[in-house]
Amino acid sequence: MADIKSAWVKVPNGELQIDAYLSEPITEEIVPGVIVIQEIFGVNSHIRDVADRLAREGYRAIAPAIFQRTAPSFEVGYTMEETILGRKYKDLTSADELLSDIQTAINYLKAMPTVTQTGFGVIGFCFGGHVAYLAATLADIQATTSFYGAGIATMTPGGGNPTLTRTADIQGTLYAFFGDQEIP
């Protein structure tokens, strides 16, 4: 396990500055990059911990705040009230904006001389699992892990055909994990 360093960074996407949590091993070696996609609760302690664990395993991990446009610095816990608030911000996202923000995070990693230039990974949980499934369609993504990709078979953020209809656009490896119980 590697020693790590982490910090909040600003990732430019046009005029928008996306807050992102960057965690990386303390090494000058060239290592792979991974995008960590938050749940509806923001880039909270759980998502930061996932990024840190990936960094300890030798990856440069970045977790962009996917609600930056509507709720900058949004971070909550897991109460019912916080879940309702997180769902509100989820409903304000669109697939095109999410994909743009994730590509921007990839480009941020690509600009680092110690990150491989190809073969990025993406991992996400619940709504982030849905967004990870969307991100799997990006050309730079070669490995995707979607945990509980809520709604991929029934909707896409912002409207349109369900995200599942984009499966043919996925060029890399996809691992998807689903439970058999729904959160109320």
C-alpha atoms as a PDB file:
ATOM      1  CA  MET A   1       0.000   0.000   0.000  1.00  0.00           C
ATOM      2  CA  ALA A   2       1.272   3.383  -1.031  1.00  0.00           C
ATOM      3  CA  ASP A   3       1.423   6.537   1.034  1.00  0.00           C
ATOM      4  CA  ILE A   4      -1.016   9.057  -0.392  1.00  0.00           C
ATOM      5  CA  LYS A   5      -1.752  12.735  -0.579  1.00  0.00           C
ATOM      6  CA  SER A   6      -5.127  14.282  -1.255  1.00  0.00           C
ATOM      7  CA  ALA A   7      -6.546  17.720  -1.892  1.00  0.00           C
ATOM      8  CA  TRP A   8      -9.522  19.552  -3.293  1.00  0.00           C
ATOM      9  CA  VAL A   9      -8.802  20.874  -6.785  1.00  0.00           C
ATOM     10  CA  LYS A  10     -10.654  22.984  -9.343  1.00  0.00           C
ATOM     11  CA  VAL A  11     -11.218  21.311 -12.695  1.00  0.00           C
ATOM     12  CA  PRO A  12     -12.029  23.815 -15.464  1.00  0.00           C
ATOM     13  CA  ASN A  13     -14.893  22.958 -17.822  1.00  0.00           C
ATOM     14  CA  GLY A  14     -15.302  26.058 -19.935  1.00  0.00           C
ATOM     15  CA  GLU A  15     -16.377  28.856 -17.583  1.00  0.00           C
ATOM     16  CA  LEU A  16     -17.421  26.332 -14.919  1.00  0.00           C
ATOM     17  CA  GLN A  17     -14.905  25.372 -12.231  1.00  0.00           C
ATOM     18  CA  ILE A  18     -15.760  21.901 -10.938  1.00  0.00           C
ATOM     19  CA  ASP A  19     -14.691  21.068  -7.405  1.00  0.00           C
ATOM     20  CA  ALA A  20     -13.025  17.665  -7.286  1.00  0.00           C
ATOM     21  CA  TYR A  21     -11.311  15.578  -4.660  1.00  0.00           C
ATOM     22  CA  LEU A  22      -7.967  14.286  -5.922  1.00  0.00           C
ATOM     23  CA  SER A  23      -6.198  11.450  -4.124  1.00  0.00           C
ATOM     24  CA  GLU A  24      -2.928  10.055  -5.366  1.00  0.00           C
ATOM     25  CA  PRO A  25      -0.046   7.869  -4.332  1.00  0.00           C
ATOM     26  CA  ILE A  26       3.117   9.737  -3.420  1.00  0.00           C
ATOM     27  CA  THR A  27       5.224   8.599  -6.341  1.00  0.00           C
ATOM     28  CA  GLU A  28       6.606   9.960  -9.584  1.00  0.00           C
ATOM     29  CA  GLU A  29       5.739   6.703 -11.352  1.00  0.00           C
ATOM     30  CA  ILE A  30       3.221   6.827 -14.168  1.00  0.00           C
ATOM     31  CA  VAL A  31       0.029   5.218 -12.860  1.00  0.00           C
ATOM     32  CA  PRO A  32      -3.551   4.746 -14.127  1.00  0.00           C
ATOM     33  CA  GLY A  33      -6.312   7.243 -13.420  1.00  0.00           C
ATOM     34  CA  VAL A  34      -9.758   6.488 -12.016  1.00  0.00           C
ATOM     35  CA  ILE A  35     -12.830   8.710 -11.874  1.00  0.00           C
ATOM     36  CA  VAL A  36     -14.914   8.164  -8.721  1.00  0.00           C
ATOM     37  CA  ILE A  37     -18.557   9.167  -9.106  1.00  0.00           C
ATOM     38  CA  GLN A  38     -20.494  10.230  -6.033  1.00  0.00           C
ATOM     39  CA  GLU A  39     -23.870   9.075  -4.855  1.00  0.00           C
ATOM     40  CA  ILE A  40     -26.621  11.702  -4.487  1.00  0.00           C
ATOM     41  CA  PHE A  41     -24.952  12.765  -1.227  1.00  0.00           C
ATOM     42  CA  GLY A  42     -22.076  14.695  -2.809  1.00  0.00           C
ATOM     43  CA  VAL A  43     -18.359  14.067  -2.565  1.00  0.00           C
ATOM     44  CA  ASN A  44     -18.775  13.116   1.073  1.00  0.00           C
ATOM     45  CA  SER A  45     -16.502  11.200   3.437  1.00  0.00           C
ATOM     46  CA  HIS A  46     -17.505   7.860   1.882  1.00  0.00           C
ATOM     47  CA  ILE A  47     -16.579   8.936  -1.653  1.00  0.00           C
ATOM     48  CA  ARG A  48     -13.346  10.553  -0.447  1.00  0.00           C
ATOM     49  CA  ASP A  49     -12.510   7.289   1.338  1.00  0.00           C
ATOM     50  CA  VAL A  50     -13.067   5.329  -1.891  1.00  0.00           C
ATOM     51  CA  ALA A  51     -10.704   7.695  -3.720  1.00  0.00           C
ATOM     52  CA  ASP A  52      -8.137   7.356  -0.920  1.00  0.00           C
ATOM     53  CA  ARG A  53      -8.347   3.551  -0.996  1.00  0.00           C
ATOM     54  CA  LEU A  54      -7.807   3.553  -4.762  1.00  0.00           C
ATOM     55  CA  ALA A  55      -4.799   5.858  -4.314  1.00  0.00           C
ATOM     56  CA  ARG A  56      -3.323   3.500  -1.716  1.00  0.00           C
ATOM     57  CA  GLU A  57      -3.559   0.776  -4.354  1.00  0.00           C
ATOM     58  CA  GLY A  58      -1.545   2.883  -6.807  1.00  0.00           C
ATOM     59  CA  TYR A  59      -4.159   4.836  -8.800  1.00  0.00           C
ATOM     60  CA  ARG A  60      -4.622   8.574  -9.166  1.00  0.00           C
ATOM     61  CA  ALA A  61      -8.290   8.983  -8.274  1.00  0.00           C
ATOM     62  CA  ILE A  62     -10.447  12.038  -8.817  1.00  0.00           C
ATOM     63  CA  ALA A  63     -14.018  12.524  -7.597  1.00  0.00           C
ATOM     64  CA  PRO A  64     -15.684  15.444  -9.410  1.00  0.00           C
ATOM     65  CA  ALA A  65     -18.643  17.172  -7.756  1.00  0.00           C
ATOM     66  CA  ILE A  66     -21.334  16.251 -10.276  1.00  0.00           C
ATOM     67  CA  PHE A  67     -23.836  18.690  -8.732  1.00  0.00           C
ATOM     68  CA  GLN A  68     -21.484  21.673  -9.188  1.00  0.00           C
ATOM     69  CA  ARG A  69     -23.911  23.522 -11.465  1.00  0.00           C
ATOM     70  CA  THR A  70     -26.853  23.459  -9.055  1.00  0.00           C
ATOM     71  CA  ALA A  71     -25.373  22.783  -5.620  1.00  0.00           C
ATOM     72  CA  PRO A  72     -21.706  23.783  -5.265  1.00  0.00           C
ATOM     73  CA  SER A  73     -19.978  22.242  -2.239  1.00  0.00           C
ATOM     74  CA  PHE A  74     -22.971  19.952  -1.654  1.00  0.00           C
ATOM     75  CA  GLU A  75     -22.206  17.237   0.869  1.00  0.00           C
ATOM     76  CA  VAL A  76     -24.682  15.526   3.176  1.00  0.00           C
ATOM     77  CA  GLY A  77     -25.154  12.339   5.152  1.00  0.00           C
ATOM     78  CA  TYR A  78     -27.661   9.554   4.725  1.00  0.00           C
ATOM     79  CA  THR A  79     -30.807  10.658   6.565  1.00  0.00           C
ATOM     80  CA  MET A  80     -34.183  10.606   4.808  1.00  0.00           C
ATOM     81  CA  GLU A  81     -34.223  14.415   4.624  1.00  0.00           C
ATOM     82  CA  GLU A  82     -30.740  14.445   3.069  1.00  0.00           C
ATOM     83  CA  THR A  83     -31.773  11.717   0.624  1.00  0.00           C
ATOM     84  CA  ILE A  84     -34.727  13.835  -0.518  1.00  0.00           C
ATOM     85  CA  LEU A  85     -32.422  16.829  -1.014  1.00  0.00           C
ATOM     86  CA  GLY A  86     -29.865  14.738  -2.929  1.00  0.00           C
ATOM     87  CA  ARG A  87     -32.603  13.377  -5.200  1.00  0.00           C
ATOM     88  CA  LYS A  88     -33.683  16.947  -5.936  1.00  0.00           C
ATOM     89  CA  TYR A  89     -30.190  17.780  -7.221  1.00  0.00           C
ATOM     90  CA  LYS A  90     -29.957  14.479  -9.106  1.00  0.00           C
ATOM     91  CA  ASP A  91     -33.130  15.423 -10.966  1.00  0.00           C
ATOM     92  CA  LEU A  92     -31.472  18.657 -12.118  1.00  0.00           C
ATOM     93  CA  THR A  93     -28.629  16.873 -13.926  1.00  0.00           C
ATOM     94  CA  SER A  94     -28.450  15.937 -17.597  1.00  0.00           C
ATOM     95  CA  ALA A  95     -26.501  13.194 -19.312  1.00  0.00           C
ATOM     96  CA  ASP A  96     -24.694  15.665 -21.582  1.00  0.00           C
ATOM     97  CA  GLU A  97     -23.521  17.811 -18.652  1.00  0.00           C
ATOM     98  CA  LEU A  98     -22.473  14.775 -16.626  1.00  0.00           C
ATOM     99  CA  LEU A  99     -20.493  13.328 -19.531  1.00  0.00           C
ATOM    100  CA  SER A 100     -18.862  16.709 -20.149  1.00  0.00           C
ATOM    101  CA  ASP A 101     -17.845  17.014 -16.489  1.00  0.00           C
ATOM    102  CA  ILE A 102     -16.433  13.493 -16.405  1.00  0.00           C
ATOM    103  CA  GLN A 103     -14.486  14.034 -19.629  1.00  0.00           C
ATOM    104  CA  THR A 104     -13.123  17.219 -18.074  1.00  0.00           C
ATOM    105  CA  ALA A 105     -11.973  15.224 -15.022  1.00  0.00           C
ATOM    106  CA  ILE A 106     -10.302  12.716 -17.356  1.00  0.00           C
ATOM    107  CA  ASN A 107      -8.584  15.575 -19.186  1.00  0.00           C
ATOM    108  CA  TYR A 108      -7.405  16.965 -15.839  1.00  0.00           C
ATOM    109  CA  LEU A 109      -5.774  13.619 -15.060  1.00  0.00           C
ATOM    110  CA  LYS A 110      -4.312  13.404 -18.580  1.00  0.00           C
ATOM    111  CA  ALA A 111      -2.566  16.740 -17.983  1.00  0.00           C
ATOM    112  CA  MET A 112      -0.660  15.199 -15.077  1.00  0.00           C
ATOM    113  CA  PRO A 113       2.707  13.810 -16.235  1.00  0.00           C
ATOM    114  CA  THR A 114       2.385  10.891 -13.798  1.00  0.00           C
ATOM    115  CA  VAL A 115      -0.903   9.523 -15.181  1.00  0.00           C
ATOM    116  CA  THR A 116      -1.223   7.062 -18.040  1.00  0.00           C
ATOM    117  CA  GLN A 117      -2.692   8.726 -21.094  1.00  0.00           C
ATOM    118  CA  THR A 118      -5.045   5.888 -22.007  1.00  0.00           C
ATOM    119  CA  GLY A 119      -7.138   3.312 -20.245  1.00  0.00           C
ATOM    120  CA  PHE A 120      -8.985   5.245 -17.563  1.00  0.00           C
ATOM    121  CA  GLY A 121     -11.379   3.632 -15.132  1.00  0.00           C
ATOM    122  CA  VAL A 122     -14.615   4.861 -13.597  1.00  0.00           C
ATOM    123  CA  ILE A 123     -16.456   3.662 -10.503  1.00  0.00           C
ATOM    124  CA  GLY A 124     -19.762   4.888  -9.112  1.00  0.00           C
ATOM    125  CA  PHE A 125     -22.369   4.081  -6.509  1.00  0.00           C
ATOM    126  CA  CYS A 126     -26.193   4.247  -6.772  1.00  0.00           C
ATOM    127  CA  PHE A 127     -26.871   7.345  -8.904  1.00  0.00           C
ATOM    128  CA  GLY A 128     -23.105   7.488  -9.360  1.00  0.00           C
ATOM    129  CA  GLY A 129     -23.336   3.906 -10.614  1.00  0.00           C
ATOM    130  CA  HIS A 130     -25.806   5.135 -13.202  1.00  0.00           C
ATOM    131  CA  VAL A 131     -23.465   7.963 -14.147  1.00  0.00           C
ATOM    132  CA  ALA A 132     -20.531   5.509 -14.310  1.00  0.00           C
ATOM    133  CA  TYR A 133     -22.563   3.433 -16.790  1.00  0.00           C
ATOM    134  CA  LEU A 134     -23.050   6.588 -18.867  1.00  0.00           C
ATOM    135  CA  ALA A 135     -19.336   7.401 -18.571  1.00  0.00           C
ATOM    136  CA  ALA A 136     -18.469   3.941 -19.886  1.00  0.00           C
ATOM    137  CA  THR A 137     -19.526   5.264 -23.293  1.00  0.00           C
ATOM    138  CA  LEU A 138     -16.641   7.765 -23.318  1.00  0.00           C
ATOM    139  CA  ALA A 139     -13.719   6.774 -25.541  1.00  0.00           C
ATOM    140  CA  ASP A 140     -11.150   7.184 -22.731  1.00  0.00           C
ATOM    141  CA  ILE A 141     -12.899   4.756 -20.363  1.00  0.00           C
ATOM    142  CA  GLN A 142     -11.641   1.177 -20.549  1.00  0.00           C
ATOM    143  CA  ALA A 143     -12.902  -0.187 -17.233  1.00  0.00           C
ATOM    144  CA  THR A 144     -16.168   0.605 -15.460  1.00  0.00           C
ATOM    145  CA  THR A 145     -17.606  -0.559 -12.179  1.00  0.00           C
ATOM    146  CA  SER A 146     -21.222   0.388 -11.579  1.00  0.00           C
ATOM    147  CA  PHE A 147     -22.571  -0.362  -8.128  1.00  0.00           C
ATOM    148  CA  TYR A 148     -26.365  -0.236  -7.970  1.00  0.00           C
ATOM    149  CA  GLY A 149     -26.753   1.852 -11.145  1.00  0.00           C
ATOM    150  CA  ALA A 150     -30.145   3.129 -10.118  1.00  0.00           C
ATOM    151  CA  GLY A 151     -32.518   3.660 -13.030  1.00  0.00           C
ATOM    152  CA  ILE A 152     -30.271   2.693 -15.963  1.00  0.00           C
ATOM    153  CA  ALA A 153     -33.070   0.577 -17.436  1.00  0.00           C
ATOM    154  CA  THR A 154     -35.803   3.176 -16.995  1.00  0.00           C
ATOM    155  CA  MET A 155     -34.353   6.684 -17.466  1.00  0.00           C
ATOM    156  CA  THR A 156     -31.421   8.854 -18.375  1.00  0.00           C
ATOM    157  CA  PRO A 157     -30.532  12.039 -16.514  1.00  0.00           C
ATOM    158  CA  GLY A 158     -32.262  14.977 -18.160  1.00  0.00           C
ATOM    159  CA  GLY A 159     -34.618  12.785 -20.189  1.00  0.00           C
ATOM    160  CA  GLY A 160     -34.485  10.686 -23.315  1.00  0.00           C
ATOM    161  CA  ASN A 161     -34.085   6.983 -23.871  1.00  0.00           C
ATOM    162  CA  PRO A 162     -32.966   4.946 -20.853  1.00  0.00           C
ATOM    163  CA  THR A 163     -29.210   4.831 -20.319  1.00  0.00           C
ATOM    164  CA  LEU A 164     -29.283   1.076 -20.932  1.00  0.00           C
ATOM    165  CA  THR A 165     -29.916   1.825 -24.634  1.00  0.00           C
ATOM    166  CA  ARG A 166     -26.348   3.214 -24.826  1.00  0.00           C
ATOM    167  CA  THR A 167     -24.797  -0.178 -23.999  1.00  0.00           C
ATOM    168  CA  ALA A 168     -23.582  -0.711 -27.572  1.00  0.00           C
ATOM    169  CA  ASP A 169     -21.437   2.432 -27.194  1.00  0.00           C
ATOM    170  CA  ILE A 170     -19.409   0.888 -24.356  1.00  0.00           C
ATOM    171  CA  GLN A 171     -16.011  -0.213 -25.666  1.00  0.00           C
ATOM    172  CA  GLY A 172     -14.290  -1.251 -22.446  1.00  0.00           C
ATOM    173  CA  THR A 173     -14.992  -3.748 -19.699  1.00  0.00           C
ATOM    174  CA  LEU A 174     -18.077  -3.188 -17.568  1.00  0.00           C
ATOM    175  CA  TYR A 175     -18.789  -4.700 -14.176  1.00  0.00           C
ATOM    176  CA  ALA A 176     -22.261  -3.954 -12.827  1.00  0.00           C
ATOM    177  CA  PHE A 177     -23.492  -4.973  -9.384  1.00  0.00           C
ATOM    178  CA  PHE A 178     -27.138  -4.810  -8.331  1.00  0.00           C
ATOM    179  CA  GLY A 179     -29.012  -5.697  -5.157  1.00  0.00           C
ATOM    180  CA  ASP A 180     -32.508  -7.063  -4.882  1.00  0.00           C
ATOM    181  CA  GLN A 181     -33.910  -4.487  -2.461  1.00  0.00           C
ATOM    182  CA  GLU A 182     -34.844  -0.880  -3.076  1.00  0.00           C
ATOM    183  CA  ILE A 183     -34.183   1.961  -0.653  1.00  0.00           C
ATOM    184  CA  PRO A 184     -37.484   3.629   0.277  1.00  0.00           C
END
